[in-house]
Amino acid sequence: TGFDYRSGLLVGKGRNYGLNLMFRKNKGYIKGYMSYTLG
């Protein structure tokens, strides 16, 4: 059918929510971090 970027658009409302966690080791022989997101 061809394409027009204005066609086929859904316009509405949204909700984003969740939890961000991060654990970091800043000093020592081994450094690094672990991050987890539930969203």
PDB file of all heavy atoms in Angstrom:
ATOM      1  N   THR A   1       0.794  -1.225   0.000  1.00  0.00           N
ATOM      2  CA  THR A   1       0.000   0.000   0.000  1.00  0.00           C
ATOM      3  C   THR A   1       0.827   1.275   0.000  1.00  0.00           C
ATOM      4  O   THR A   1       0.274   2.368  -0.025  1.00  0.00           O
ATOM      5  CB  THR A   1      -0.916   0.029   1.243  1.00  0.00           C
ATOM      6  OG1 THR A   1      -0.107   0.046   2.429  1.00  0.00           O
ATOM      7  CG2 THR A   1      -1.826  -1.186   1.264  1.00  0.00           C
ATOM      8  N   GLY A   2       2.158   1.199   0.046  1.00  0.00           N
ATOM      9  CA  GLY A   2       2.951   2.402   0.185  1.00  0.00           C
ATOM     10  C   GLY A   2       3.017   2.834   1.634  1.00  0.00           C
ATOM     11  O   GLY A   2       2.495   2.168   2.529  1.00  0.00           O
ATOM     12  N   PHE A   3       3.642   3.974   1.893  1.00  0.00           N
ATOM     13  CA  PHE A   3       3.880   4.356   3.273  1.00  0.00           C
ATOM     14  C   PHE A   3       3.762   5.863   3.454  1.00  0.00           C
ATOM     15  O   PHE A   3       4.245   6.648   2.637  1.00  0.00           O
ATOM     16  CB  PHE A   3       5.275   3.898   3.725  1.00  0.00           C
ATOM     17  CG  PHE A   3       5.599   4.298   5.141  1.00  0.00           C
ATOM     18  CD1 PHE A   3       4.985   3.682   6.207  1.00  0.00           C
ATOM     19  CD2 PHE A   3       6.513   5.303   5.387  1.00  0.00           C
ATOM     20  CE1 PHE A   3       5.277   4.054   7.516  1.00  0.00           C
ATOM     21  CE2 PHE A   3       6.817   5.680   6.694  1.00  0.00           C
ATOM     22  CZ  PHE A   3       6.202   5.046   7.751  1.00  0.00           C
ATOM     23  N   ASP A   4       3.107   6.247   4.529  1.00  0.00           N
ATOM     24  CA  ASP A   4       3.066   7.620   4.999  1.00  0.00           C
ATOM     25  C   ASP A   4       3.258   7.548   6.507  1.00  0.00           C
ATOM     26  O   ASP A   4       2.477   6.891   7.207  1.00  0.00           O
ATOM     27  CB  ASP A   4       1.735   8.283   4.651  1.00  0.00           C
ATOM     28  CG  ASP A   4       1.679   9.753   5.067  1.00  0.00           C
ATOM     29  OD1 ASP A   4       2.524  10.172   5.890  1.00  0.00           O
ATOM     30  OD2 ASP A   4       0.791  10.468   4.588  1.00  0.00           O
ATOM     31  N   TYR A   5       4.322   8.199   7.025  1.00  0.00           N
ATOM     32  CA  TYR A   5       4.635   8.047   8.446  1.00  0.00           C
ATOM     33  C   TYR A   5       3.504   8.533   9.344  1.00  0.00           C
ATOM     34  O   TYR A   5       3.408   8.160  10.511  1.00  0.00           O
ATOM     35  CB  TYR A   5       5.934   8.787   8.795  1.00  0.00           C
ATOM     36  CG  TYR A   5       5.798  10.295   8.920  1.00  0.00           C
ATOM     37  CD1 TYR A   5       5.544  10.874  10.152  1.00  0.00           C
ATOM     38  CD2 TYR A   5       5.928  11.131   7.814  1.00  0.00           C
ATOM     39  CE1 TYR A   5       5.420  12.252  10.288  1.00  0.00           C
ATOM     40  CE2 TYR A   5       5.811  12.498   7.933  1.00  0.00           C
ATOM     41  CZ  TYR A   5       5.560  13.063   9.168  1.00  0.00           C
ATOM     42  OH  TYR A   5       5.444  14.427   9.291  1.00  0.00           O
ATOM     43  N   ARG A   6       2.579   9.350   8.816  1.00  0.00           N
ATOM     44  CA  ARG A   6       1.468   9.845   9.616  1.00  0.00           C
ATOM     45  C   ARG A   6       0.318   8.847   9.689  1.00  0.00           C
ATOM     46  O   ARG A   6      -0.578   8.990  10.518  1.00  0.00           O
ATOM     47  CB  ARG A   6       0.972  11.172   9.044  1.00  0.00           C
ATOM     48  CG  ARG A   6       1.981  12.303   9.138  1.00  0.00           C
ATOM     49  CD  ARG A   6       1.567  13.491   8.307  1.00  0.00           C
ATOM     50  NE  ARG A   6       1.502  13.147   6.884  1.00  0.00           N
ATOM     51  CZ  ARG A   6       1.261  14.030   5.907  1.00  0.00           C
ATOM     52  NH1 ARG A   6       1.036  15.292   6.212  1.00  0.00           N
ATOM     53  NH2 ARG A   6       1.225  13.637   4.656  1.00  0.00           N
ATOM     54  N   SER A   7       0.329   7.830   8.808  1.00  0.00           N
ATOM     55  CA  SER A   7      -0.729   6.821   8.844  1.00  0.00           C
ATOM     56  C   SER A   7      -0.311   5.665   9.744  1.00  0.00           C
ATOM     57  O   SER A   7       0.866   5.408   9.952  1.00  0.00           O
ATOM     58  CB  SER A   7      -1.015   6.303   7.430  1.00  0.00           C
ATOM     59  OG  SER A   7       0.110   5.609   6.925  1.00  0.00           O
ATOM     60  N   GLY A   8      -1.286   4.966  10.266  1.00  0.00           N
ATOM     61  CA  GLY A   8      -0.995   3.823  11.126  1.00  0.00           C
ATOM     62  C   GLY A   8      -0.458   4.192  12.489  1.00  0.00           C
ATOM     63  O   GLY A   8       0.090   3.338  13.192  1.00  0.00           O
ATOM     64  N   LEU A   9      -0.606   5.464  12.907  1.00  0.00           N
ATOM     65  CA  LEU A   9      -0.100   5.871  14.217  1.00  0.00           C
ATOM     66  C   LEU A   9      -1.185   5.739  15.287  1.00  0.00           C
ATOM     67  O   LEU A   9      -2.344   6.070  15.055  1.00  0.00           O
ATOM     68  CB  LEU A   9       0.384   7.321  14.174  1.00  0.00           C
ATOM     69  CG  LEU A   9       1.611   7.621  13.316  1.00  0.00           C
ATOM     70  CD1 LEU A   9       1.943   9.102  13.389  1.00  0.00           C
ATOM     71  CD2 LEU A   9       2.810   6.787  13.745  1.00  0.00           C
ATOM     72  N   LEU A  10      -0.785   5.255  16.441  1.00  0.00           N
ATOM     73  CA  LEU A  10      -1.639   5.213  17.619  1.00  0.00           C
ATOM     74  C   LEU A  10      -1.192   6.308  18.572  1.00  0.00           C
ATOM     75  O   LEU A  10      -0.006   6.399  18.913  1.00  0.00           O
ATOM     76  CB  LEU A  10      -1.543   3.853  18.308  1.00  0.00           C
ATOM     77  CG  LEU A  10      -1.957   2.628  17.490  1.00  0.00           C
ATOM     78  CD1 LEU A  10      -1.570   1.352  18.237  1.00  0.00           C
ATOM     79  CD2 LEU A  10      -3.447   2.648  17.206  1.00  0.00           C
ATOM     80  N   VAL A  11      -2.112   7.155  18.986  1.00  0.00           N
ATOM     81  CA  VAL A  11      -1.796   8.246  19.900  1.00  0.00           C
ATOM     82  C   VAL A  11      -2.604   8.054  21.181  1.00  0.00           C
ATOM     83  O   VAL A  11      -3.824   7.880  21.132  1.00  0.00           O
ATOM     84  CB  VAL A  11      -2.113   9.618  19.279  1.00  0.00           C
ATOM     85  CG1 VAL A  11      -1.727  10.740  20.241  1.00  0.00           C
ATOM     86  CG2 VAL A  11      -1.384   9.791  17.949  1.00  0.00           C
ATOM     87  N   GLY A  12      -1.939   8.058  22.308  1.00  0.00           N
ATOM     88  CA  GLY A  12      -2.650   7.831  23.560  1.00  0.00           C
ATOM     89  C   GLY A  12      -1.828   8.201  24.770  1.00  0.00           C
ATOM     90  O   GLY A  12      -0.974   9.097  24.726  1.00  0.00           O
ATOM     91  N   LYS A  13      -2.059   7.475  25.860  1.00  0.00           N
ATOM     92  CA  LYS A  13      -1.376   7.730  27.125  1.00  0.00           C
ATOM     93  C   LYS A  13      -0.501   6.538  27.491  1.00  0.00           C
ATOM     94  O   LYS A  13      -0.670   5.442  26.958  1.00  0.00           O
ATOM     95  CB  LYS A  13      -2.401   7.997  28.230  1.00  0.00           C
ATOM     96  CG  LYS A  13      -3.240   9.243  27.995  1.00  0.00           C
ATOM     97  CD  LYS A  13      -4.282   9.448  29.088  1.00  0.00           C
ATOM     98  CE  LYS A  13      -5.379   8.399  29.036  1.00  0.00           C
ATOM     99  NZ  LYS A  13      -6.454   8.667  30.018  1.00  0.00           N
ATOM    100  N   GLY A  14       0.419   6.775  28.401  1.00  0.00           N
ATOM    101  CA  GLY A  14       1.318   5.702  28.799  1.00  0.00           C
ATOM    102  C   GLY A  14       1.674   5.758  30.268  1.00  0.00           C
ATOM    103  O   GLY A  14       1.542   6.799  30.922  1.00  0.00           O
ATOM    104  N   ARG A  15       2.117   4.628  30.783  1.00  0.00           N
ATOM    105  CA  ARG A  15       2.623   4.531  32.152  1.00  0.00           C
ATOM    106  C   ARG A  15       3.882   3.690  32.156  1.00  0.00           C
ATOM    107  O   ARG A  15       3.865   2.530  31.722  1.00  0.00           O
ATOM    108  CB  ARG A  15       1.574   3.913  33.079  1.00  0.00           C
ATOM    109  CG  ARG A  15       0.462   4.867  33.478  1.00  0.00           C
ATOM    110  CD  ARG A  15      -0.548   4.215  34.384  1.00  0.00           C
ATOM    111  NE  ARG A  15      -1.635   5.140  34.719  1.00  0.00           N
ATOM    112  CZ  ARG A  15      -2.757   4.790  35.317  1.00  0.00           C
ATOM    113  NH1 ARG A  15      -2.950   3.513  35.669  1.00  0.00           N
ATOM    114  NH2 ARG A  15      -3.692   5.687  35.576  1.00  0.00           N
ATOM    115  N   ASN A  16       4.966   4.274  32.632  1.00  0.00           N
ATOM    116  CA  ASN A  16       6.219   3.552  32.834  1.00  0.00           C
ATOM    117  C   ASN A  16       6.507   3.509  34.328  1.00  0.00           C
ATOM    118  O   ASN A  16       6.468   4.547  34.997  1.00  0.00           O
ATOM    119  CB  ASN A  16       7.379   4.262  32.121  1.00  0.00           C
ATOM    120  CG  ASN A  16       7.212   4.299  30.609  1.00  0.00           C
ATOM    121  OD1 ASN A  16       6.328   3.659  30.055  1.00  0.00           O
ATOM    122  ND2 ASN A  16       8.054   5.060  29.951  1.00  0.00           N
ATOM    123  N   TYR A  17       6.801   2.338  34.848  1.00  0.00           N
ATOM    124  CA  TYR A  17       7.100   2.228  36.275  1.00  0.00           C
ATOM    125  C   TYR A  17       7.967   1.002  36.506  1.00  0.00           C
ATOM    126  O   TYR A  17       7.973   0.051  35.704  1.00  0.00           O
ATOM    127  CB  TYR A  17       5.817   2.140  37.106  1.00  0.00           C
ATOM    128  CG  TYR A  17       4.830   1.089  36.653  1.00  0.00           C
ATOM    129  CD1 TYR A  17       4.852  -0.195  37.190  1.00  0.00           C
ATOM    130  CD2 TYR A  17       3.877   1.373  35.683  1.00  0.00           C
ATOM    131  CE1 TYR A  17       3.942  -1.162  36.785  1.00  0.00           C
ATOM    132  CE2 TYR A  17       2.964   0.421  35.268  1.00  0.00           C
ATOM    133  CZ  TYR A  17       3.004  -0.843  35.815  1.00  0.00           C
ATOM    134  OH  TYR A  17       2.106  -1.793  35.395  1.00  0.00           O
ATOM    135  N   GLY A  18       8.706   1.046  37.597  1.00  0.00           N
ATOM    136  CA  GLY A  18       9.574  -0.090  37.884  1.00  0.00           C
ATOM    137  C   GLY A  18      10.594   0.204  38.954  1.00  0.00           C
ATOM    138  O   GLY A  18      10.494   1.173  39.716  1.00  0.00           O
ATOM    139  N   LEU A  19      11.633  -0.644  38.995  1.00  0.00           N
ATOM    140  CA  LEU A  19      12.661  -0.606  40.028  1.00  0.00           C
ATOM    141  C   LEU A  19      14.024  -0.791  39.377  1.00  0.00           C
ATOM    142  O   LEU A  19      14.222  -1.713  38.573  1.00  0.00           O
ATOM    143  CB  LEU A  19      12.416  -1.723  41.048  1.00  0.00           C
ATOM    144  CG  LEU A  19      13.504  -1.976  42.093  1.00  0.00           C
ATOM    145  CD1 LEU A  19      13.621  -0.786  43.040  1.00  0.00           C
ATOM    146  CD2 LEU A  19      13.220  -3.265  42.866  1.00  0.00           C
ATOM    147  N   ASN A  20      14.962   0.107  39.716  1.00  0.00           N
ATOM    148  CA  ASN A  20      16.355  -0.005  39.276  1.00  0.00           C
ATOM    149  C   ASN A  20      17.231  -0.313  40.479  1.00  0.00           C
ATOM    150  O   ASN A  20      17.174   0.390  41.499  1.00  0.00           O
ATOM    151  CB  ASN A  20      16.835   1.296  38.621  1.00  0.00           C
ATOM    152  CG  ASN A  20      16.071   1.627  37.359  1.00  0.00           C
ATOM    153  OD1 ASN A  20      15.736   0.751  36.571  1.00  0.00           O
ATOM    154  ND2 ASN A  20      15.802   2.907  37.143  1.00  0.00           N
ATOM    155  N   LEU A  21      18.060  -1.339  40.356  1.00  0.00           N
ATOM    156  CA  LEU A  21      18.984  -1.714  41.422  1.00  0.00           C
ATOM    157  C   LEU A  21      20.403  -1.778  40.873  1.00  0.00           C
ATOM    158  O   LEU A  21      20.608  -2.228  39.745  1.00  0.00           O
ATOM    159  CB  LEU A  21      18.616  -3.080  42.009  1.00  0.00           C
ATOM    160  CG  LEU A  21      17.227  -3.241  42.641  1.00  0.00           C
ATOM    161  CD1 LEU A  21      16.996  -4.700  43.019  1.00  0.00           C
ATOM    162  CD2 LEU A  21      17.083  -2.343  43.864  1.00  0.00           C
ATOM    163  N   MET A  22      21.369  -1.341  41.676  1.00  0.00           N
ATOM    164  CA  MET A  22      22.775  -1.466  41.279  1.00  0.00           C
ATOM    165  C   MET A  22      23.630  -1.712  42.510  1.00  0.00           C
ATOM    166  O   MET A  22      23.518  -1.012  43.523  1.00  0.00           O
ATOM    167  CB  MET A  22      23.270  -0.229  40.537  1.00  0.00           C
ATOM    168  CG  MET A  22      24.766  -0.292  40.204  1.00  0.00           C
ATOM    169  SD  MET A  22      25.379   1.061  39.176  1.00  0.00           S
ATOM    170  CE  MET A  22      24.721   0.573  37.589  1.00  0.00           C
ATOM    171  N   PHE A  23      24.502  -2.709  42.403  1.00  0.00           N
ATOM    172  CA  PHE A  23      25.484  -3.022  43.441  1.00  0.00           C
ATOM    173  C   PHE A  23      26.865  -2.895  42.805  1.00  0.00           C
ATOM    174  O   PHE A  23      27.124  -3.486  41.753  1.00  0.00           O
ATOM    175  CB  PHE A  23      25.267  -4.421  43.992  1.00  0.00           C
ATOM    176  CG  PHE A  23      26.285  -4.830  45.023  1.00  0.00           C
ATOM    177  CD1 PHE A  23      26.203  -4.357  46.320  1.00  0.00           C
ATOM    178  CD2 PHE A  23      27.328  -5.671  44.684  1.00  0.00           C
ATOM    179  CE1 PHE A  23      27.137  -4.722  47.271  1.00  0.00           C
ATOM    180  CE2 PHE A  23      28.271  -6.039  45.626  1.00  0.00           C
ATOM    181  CZ  PHE A  23      28.169  -5.565  46.927  1.00  0.00           C
ATOM    182  N   ARG A  24      27.754  -2.109  43.418  1.00  0.00           N
ATOM    183  CA  ARG A  24      29.053  -1.821  42.818  1.00  0.00           C
ATOM    184  C   ARG A  24      30.175  -2.112  43.817  1.00  0.00           C
ATOM    185  O   ARG A  24      30.063  -1.775  45.004  1.00  0.00           O
ATOM    186  CB  ARG A  24      29.116  -0.360  42.390  1.00  0.00           C
ATOM    187  CG  ARG A  24      30.381   0.041  41.649  1.00  0.00           C
ATOM    188  CD  ARG A  24      30.387   1.532  41.337  1.00  0.00           C
ATOM    189  NE  ARG A  24      29.326   1.892  40.425  1.00  0.00           N
ATOM    190  CZ  ARG A  24      29.438   1.862  39.098  1.00  0.00           C
ATOM    191  NH1 ARG A  24      30.581   1.480  38.555  1.00  0.00           N
ATOM    192  NH2 ARG A  24      28.435   2.230  38.338  1.00  0.00           N
ATOM    193  N   LYS A  25      31.252  -2.703  43.316  1.00  0.00           N
ATOM    194  CA  LYS A  25      32.485  -2.884  44.097  1.00  0.00           C
ATOM    195  C   LYS A  25      33.511  -1.905  43.536  1.00  0.00           C
ATOM    196  O   LYS A  25      33.930  -2.020  42.382  1.00  0.00           O
ATOM    197  CB  LYS A  25      32.994  -4.319  44.007  1.00  0.00           C
ATOM    198  CG  LYS A  25      34.158  -4.615  44.945  1.00  0.00           C
ATOM    199  CD  LYS A  25      34.514  -6.094  44.911  1.00  0.00           C
ATOM    200  CE  LYS A  25      35.593  -6.410  45.960  1.00  0.00           C
ATOM    201  NZ  LYS A  25      36.885  -5.782  45.610  1.00  0.00           N
ATOM    202  N   ASN A  26      33.909  -0.930  44.340  1.00  0.00           N
ATOM    203  CA  ASN A  26      34.723   0.178  43.868  1.00  0.00           C
ATOM    204  C   ASN A  26      36.214   0.011  44.101  1.00  0.00           C
ATOM    205  O   ASN A  26      37.004   0.698  43.450  1.00  0.00           O
ATOM    206  CB  ASN A  26      34.269   1.477  44.562  1.00  0.00           C
ATOM    207  CG  ASN A  26      32.793   1.745  44.360  1.00  0.00           C
ATOM    208  OD1 ASN A  26      32.304   1.815  43.246  1.00  0.00           O
ATOM    209  ND2 ASN A  26      32.056   1.891  45.467  1.00  0.00           N
ATOM    210  N   LYS A  27      36.607  -0.859  45.018  1.00  0.00           N
ATOM    211  CA  LYS A  27      38.024  -1.013  45.355  1.00  0.00           C
ATOM    212  C   LYS A  27      38.366  -2.490  45.423  1.00  0.00           C
ATOM    213  O   LYS A  27      37.497  -3.343  45.547  1.00  0.00           O
ATOM    214  CB  LYS A  27      38.337  -0.330  46.698  1.00  0.00           C
ATOM    215  CG  LYS A  27      37.996   1.155  46.748  1.00  0.00           C
ATOM    216  CD  LYS A  27      38.247   1.722  48.139  1.00  0.00           C
ATOM    217  CE  LYS A  27      37.830   3.183  48.221  1.00  0.00           C
ATOM    218  NZ  LYS A  27      38.041   3.745  49.588  1.00  0.00           N
ATOM    219  N   GLY A  28      39.684  -2.779  45.361  1.00  0.00           N
ATOM    220  CA  GLY A  28      40.123  -4.154  45.492  1.00  0.00           C
ATOM    221  C   GLY A  28      40.688  -4.718  44.203  1.00  0.00           C
ATOM    222  O   GLY A  28      40.732  -4.063  43.153  1.00  0.00           O
ATOM    223  N   TYR A  29      41.120  -5.974  44.267  1.00  0.00           N
ATOM    224  CA  TYR A  29      41.731  -6.659  43.130  1.00  0.00           C
ATOM    225  C   TYR A  29      40.721  -6.835  42.001  1.00  0.00           C
ATOM    226  O   TYR A  29      41.052  -6.719  40.818  1.00  0.00           O
ATOM    227  CB  TYR A  29      42.263  -8.013  43.586  1.00  0.00           C
ATOM    228  CG  TYR A  29      42.991  -8.780  42.511  1.00  0.00           C
ATOM    229  CD1 TYR A  29      44.231  -8.355  42.043  1.00  0.00           C
ATOM    230  CD2 TYR A  29      42.423  -9.934  41.960  1.00  0.00           C
ATOM    231  CE1 TYR A  29      44.894  -9.059  41.053  1.00  0.00           C
ATOM    232  CE2 TYR A  29      43.084 -10.641  40.970  1.00  0.00           C
ATOM    233  CZ  TYR A  29      44.316 -10.196  40.524  1.00  0.00           C
ATOM    234  OH  TYR A  29      44.967 -10.893  39.536  1.00  0.00           O
ATOM    235  N   ILE A  30      39.480  -7.108  42.356  1.00  0.00           N
ATOM    236  CA  ILE A  30      38.397  -7.226  41.370  1.00  0.00           C
ATOM    237  C   ILE A  30      37.379  -6.113  41.621  1.00  0.00           C
ATOM    238  O   ILE A  30      36.882  -5.952  42.734  1.00  0.00           O
ATOM    239  CB  ILE A  30      37.710  -8.602  41.458  1.00  0.00           C
ATOM    240  CG1 ILE A  30      38.710  -9.720  41.135  1.00  0.00           C
ATOM    241  CG2 ILE A  30      36.517  -8.666  40.499  1.00  0.00           C
ATOM    242  CD1 ILE A  30      38.120 -11.109  41.256  1.00  0.00           C
ATOM    243  N   LYS A  31      37.083  -5.354  40.587  1.00  0.00           N
ATOM    244  CA  LYS A  31      36.079  -4.300  40.650  1.00  0.00           C
ATOM    245  C   LYS A  31      34.968  -4.626  39.656  1.00  0.00           C
ATOM    246  O   LYS A  31      35.132  -5.456  38.770  1.00  0.00           O
ATOM    247  CB  LYS A  31      36.692  -2.937  40.312  1.00  0.00           C
ATOM    248  CG  LYS A  31      37.841  -2.524  41.208  1.00  0.00           C
ATOM    249  CD  LYS A  31      38.419  -1.203  40.750  1.00  0.00           C
ATOM    250  CE  LYS A  31      39.629  -0.805  41.571  1.00  0.00           C
ATOM    251  NZ  LYS A  31      40.239   0.464  41.085  1.00  0.00           N
ATOM    252  N   GLY A  32      33.842  -3.915  39.804  1.00  0.00           N
ATOM    253  CA  GLY A  32      32.755  -4.122  38.857  1.00  0.00           C
ATOM    254  C   GLY A  32      31.423  -3.731  39.450  1.00  0.00           C
ATOM    255  O   GLY A  32      31.341  -3.128  40.531  1.00  0.00           O
ATOM    256  N   TYR A  33      30.373  -4.084  38.739  1.00  0.00           N
ATOM    257  CA  TYR A  33      29.026  -3.767  39.223  1.00  0.00           C
ATOM    258  C   TYR A  33      28.035  -4.771  38.660  1.00  0.00           C
ATOM    259  O   TYR A  33      28.287  -5.459  37.656  1.00  0.00           O
ATOM    260  CB  TYR A  33      28.623  -2.340  38.836  1.00  0.00           C
ATOM    261  CG  TYR A  33      28.424  -2.126  37.352  1.00  0.00           C
ATOM    262  CD1 TYR A  33      27.198  -2.374  36.741  1.00  0.00           C
ATOM    263  CD2 TYR A  33      29.460  -1.649  36.560  1.00  0.00           C
ATOM    264  CE1 TYR A  33      27.006  -2.171  35.388  1.00  0.00           C
ATOM    265  CE2 TYR A  33      29.288  -1.438  35.204  1.00  0.00           C
ATOM    266  CZ  TYR A  33      28.058  -1.702  34.621  1.00  0.00           C
ATOM    267  OH  TYR A  33      27.877  -1.511  33.278  1.00  0.00           O
ATOM    268  N   MET A  34      26.882  -4.836  39.306  1.00  0.00           N
ATOM    269  CA  MET A  34      25.761  -5.637  38.836  1.00  0.00           C
ATOM    270  C   MET A  34      24.525  -4.753  38.899  1.00  0.00           C
ATOM    271  O   MET A  34      24.204  -4.196  39.950  1.00  0.00           O
ATOM    272  CB  MET A  34      25.574  -6.890  39.696  1.00  0.00           C
ATOM    273  CG  MET A  34      24.381  -7.753  39.261  1.00  0.00           C
ATOM    274  SD  MET A  34      24.281  -9.329  40.152  1.00  0.00           S
ATOM    275  CE  MET A  34      24.026  -8.744  41.826  1.00  0.00           C
ATOM    276  N   SER A  35      23.837  -4.617  37.786  1.00  0.00           N
ATOM    277  CA  SER A  35      22.629  -3.797  37.739  1.00  0.00           C
ATOM    278  C   SER A  35      21.461  -4.652  37.260  1.00  0.00           C
ATOM    279  O   SER A  35      21.625  -5.534  36.411  1.00  0.00           O
ATOM    280  CB  SER A  35      22.810  -2.601  36.817  1.00  0.00           C
ATOM    281  OG  SER A  35      22.923  -3.001  35.462  1.00  0.00           O
ATOM    282  N   TYR A  36      20.292  -4.368  37.824  1.00  0.00           N
ATOM    283  CA  TYR A  36      19.081  -5.097  37.461  1.00  0.00           C
ATOM    284  C   TYR A  36      17.918  -4.115  37.394  1.00  0.00           C
ATOM    285  O   TYR A  36      17.762  -3.252  38.265  1.00  0.00           O
ATOM    286  CB  TYR A  36      18.770  -6.194  38.477  1.00  0.00           C
ATOM    287  CG  TYR A  36      17.407  -6.830  38.291  1.00  0.00           C
ATOM    288  CD1 TYR A  36      17.163  -7.680  37.209  1.00  0.00           C
ATOM    289  CD2 TYR A  36      16.371  -6.568  39.182  1.00  0.00           C
ATOM    290  CE1 TYR A  36      15.913  -8.250  37.022  1.00  0.00           C
ATOM    291  CE2 TYR A  36      15.124  -7.137  39.005  1.00  0.00           C
ATOM    292  CZ  TYR A  36      14.901  -7.971  37.931  1.00  0.00           C
ATOM    293  OH  TYR A  36      13.658  -8.531  37.734  1.00  0.00           O
ATOM    294  N   THR A  37      17.140  -4.233  36.352  1.00  0.00           N
ATOM    295  CA  THR A  37      15.960  -3.389  36.173  1.00  0.00           C
ATOM    296  C   THR A  37      14.736  -4.275  35.996  1.00  0.00           C
ATOM    297  O   THR A  37      14.731  -5.193  35.166  1.00  0.00           O
ATOM    298  CB  THR A  37      16.106  -2.482  34.943  1.00  0.00           C
ATOM    299  OG1 THR A  37      17.218  -1.605  35.144  1.00  0.00           O
ATOM    300  CG2 THR A  37      14.857  -1.645  34.738  1.00  0.00           C
ATOM    301  N   LEU A  38      13.714  -3.992  36.788  1.00  0.00           N
ATOM    302  CA  LEU A  38      12.401  -4.603  36.642  1.00  0.00           C
ATOM    303  C   LEU A  38      11.452  -3.482  36.233  1.00  0.00           C
ATOM    304  O   LEU A  38      11.214  -2.554  37.017  1.00  0.00           O
ATOM    305  CB  LEU A  38      11.956  -5.243  37.955  1.00  0.00           C
ATOM    306  CG  LEU A  38      10.528  -5.802  37.996  1.00  0.00           C
ATOM    307  CD1 LEU A  38      10.380  -6.971  37.032  1.00  0.00           C
ATOM    308  CD2 LEU A  38      10.163  -6.221  39.413  1.00  0.00           C
ATOM    309  N   GLY A  39      10.944  -3.542  35.018  1.00  0.00           N
ATOM    310  CA  GLY A  39      10.181  -2.403  34.522  1.00  0.00           C
ATOM    311  C   GLY A  39       8.988  -2.784  33.670  1.00  0.00           C
ATOM    312  O   GLY A  39       8.946  -3.863  33.058  1.00  0.00           O
TER     313      GLY A  39
END
